[in-house]
Amino acid sequence: MSSVSEYARIASAMANIASVLGDLAVKFETIEERNAVDDAMIDALVAASTELTASATALKSITYEAP
């Protein structure tokens, strides 16, 4: 399976994103209140994650076509 390295890169990036989201959760709970800019950035993250989910799901519908 030649695509294992791509999946590993994605898993690593997702772990990093999950860690940063956790850091933000702690920050918003204990350090400072969210503001309008934070809310807009969160909305942008949600939109980007929705697009990534659609792109990942679309990979299942790709059919190999030999050259």
C-alpha atoms as a PDB file:
ATOM      1  CA  MET A   1       0.000   0.000   0.000  1.00  0.00           C
ATOM      2  CA  SER A   2       1.873   3.037  -1.263  1.00  0.00           C
ATOM      3  CA  SER A   3      -0.454   5.599   0.343  1.00  0.00           C
ATOM      4  CA  VAL A   4       0.449   4.801   3.971  1.00  0.00           C
ATOM      5  CA  SER A   5       2.768   7.804   4.206  1.00  0.00           C
ATOM      6  CA  GLU A   6      -0.034  10.158   3.150  1.00  0.00           C
ATOM      7  CA  TYR A   7      -2.352   8.721   5.816  1.00  0.00           C
ATOM      8  CA  ALA A   8       0.412   9.092   8.403  1.00  0.00           C
ATOM      9  CA  ARG A   9       0.914  12.743   7.435  1.00  0.00           C
ATOM     10  CA  ILE A  10      -2.823  13.386   7.725  1.00  0.00           C
ATOM     11  CA  ALA A  11      -3.016  11.618  11.103  1.00  0.00           C
ATOM     12  CA  SER A  12      -0.106  13.695  12.387  1.00  0.00           C
ATOM     13  CA  ALA A  13      -1.682  16.939  11.199  1.00  0.00           C
ATOM     14  CA  MET A  14      -5.012  15.973  12.752  1.00  0.00           C
ATOM     15  CA  ALA A  15      -3.342  15.166  16.082  1.00  0.00           C
ATOM     16  CA  ASN A  16      -1.690  18.585  16.013  1.00  0.00           C
ATOM     17  CA  ILE A  17      -4.985  20.296  15.247  1.00  0.00           C
ATOM     18  CA  ALA A  18      -6.736  18.379  18.046  1.00  0.00           C
ATOM     19  CA  SER A  19      -4.015  19.480  20.467  1.00  0.00           C
ATOM     20  CA  VAL A  20      -4.338  23.142  19.505  1.00  0.00           C
ATOM     21  CA  LEU A  21      -8.136  22.956  19.788  1.00  0.00           C
ATOM     22  CA  GLY A  22      -7.683  21.540  23.289  1.00  0.00           C
ATOM     23  CA  ASP A  23      -5.330  24.393  24.146  1.00  0.00           C
ATOM     24  CA  LEU A  24      -7.927  26.896  22.942  1.00  0.00           C
ATOM     25  CA  ALA A  25     -10.631  25.213  25.014  1.00  0.00           C
ATOM     26  CA  VAL A  26      -8.497  25.539  28.151  1.00  0.00           C
ATOM     27  CA  LYS A  27      -7.684  29.149  27.279  1.00  0.00           C
ATOM     28  CA  PHE A  28     -11.356  30.050  26.836  1.00  0.00           C
ATOM     29  CA  GLU A  29     -12.297  28.250  30.069  1.00  0.00           C
ATOM     30  CA  THR A  30      -9.549  29.581  32.325  1.00  0.00           C
ATOM     31  CA  ILE A  31      -7.599  32.480  30.810  1.00  0.00           C
ATOM     32  CA  GLU A  32      -9.791  34.727  28.706  1.00  0.00           C
ATOM     33  CA  GLU A  33     -13.232  35.016  27.229  1.00  0.00           C
ATOM     34  CA  ARG A  34     -13.834  34.425  23.521  1.00  0.00           C
ATOM     35  CA  ASN A  35     -14.459  37.544  21.470  1.00  0.00           C
ATOM     36  CA  ALA A  36     -16.053  38.227  18.099  1.00  0.00           C
ATOM     37  CA  VAL A  37     -12.789  37.541  16.259  1.00  0.00           C
ATOM     38  CA  ASP A  38     -12.462  34.183  18.028  1.00  0.00           C
ATOM     39  CA  ASP A  39     -16.044  33.303  17.093  1.00  0.00           C
ATOM     40  CA  ALA A  40     -15.377  34.196  13.440  1.00  0.00           C
ATOM     41  CA  MET A  41     -12.208  32.101  13.424  1.00  0.00           C
ATOM     42  CA  ILE A  42     -14.072  29.174  14.995  1.00  0.00           C
ATOM     43  CA  ASP A  43     -16.740  29.473  12.288  1.00  0.00           C
ATOM     44  CA  ALA A  44     -13.976  29.386   9.657  1.00  0.00           C
ATOM     45  CA  LEU A  45     -12.493  26.253  11.283  1.00  0.00           C
ATOM     46  CA  VAL A  46     -15.890  24.560  11.261  1.00  0.00           C
ATOM     47  CA  ALA A  47     -16.359  25.431   7.581  1.00  0.00           C
ATOM     48  CA  ALA A  48     -12.884  24.145   6.690  1.00  0.00           C
ATOM     49  CA  SER A  49     -13.448  20.915   8.608  1.00  0.00           C
ATOM     50  CA  THR A  50     -16.753  20.397   6.817  1.00  0.00           C
ATOM     51  CA  GLU A  51     -14.982  20.805   3.465  1.00  0.00           C
ATOM     52  CA  LEU A  52     -12.241  18.371   4.544  1.00  0.00           C
ATOM     53  CA  THR A  53     -14.860  15.825   5.583  1.00  0.00           C
ATOM     54  CA  ALA A  54     -16.493  16.112   2.164  1.00  0.00           C
ATOM     55  CA  SER A  55     -13.116  15.742   0.429  1.00  0.00           C
ATOM     56  CA  ALA A  56     -12.229  12.691   2.506  1.00  0.00           C
ATOM     57  CA  THR A  57     -15.609  11.102   1.808  1.00  0.00           C
ATOM     58  CA  ALA A  58     -15.185  11.820  -1.918  1.00  0.00           C
ATOM     59  CA  LEU A  59     -12.001   9.727  -1.941  1.00  0.00           C
ATOM     60  CA  LYS A  60     -14.212   6.645  -1.573  1.00  0.00           C
ATOM     61  CA  SER A  61     -15.930   7.374  -4.891  1.00  0.00           C
ATOM     62  CA  ILE A  62     -12.746   7.644  -6.950  1.00  0.00           C
ATOM     63  CA  THR A  63     -12.230   4.765  -9.346  1.00  0.00           C
ATOM     64  CA  TYR A  64      -8.735   3.968 -10.611  1.00  0.00           C
ATOM     65  CA  GLU A  65      -8.279   4.350 -14.352  1.00  0.00           C
ATOM     66  CA  ALA A  66      -5.145   2.716 -15.673  1.00  0.00           C
ATOM     67  CA  PRO A  67      -3.123   4.917 -18.048  1.00  0.00           C
END
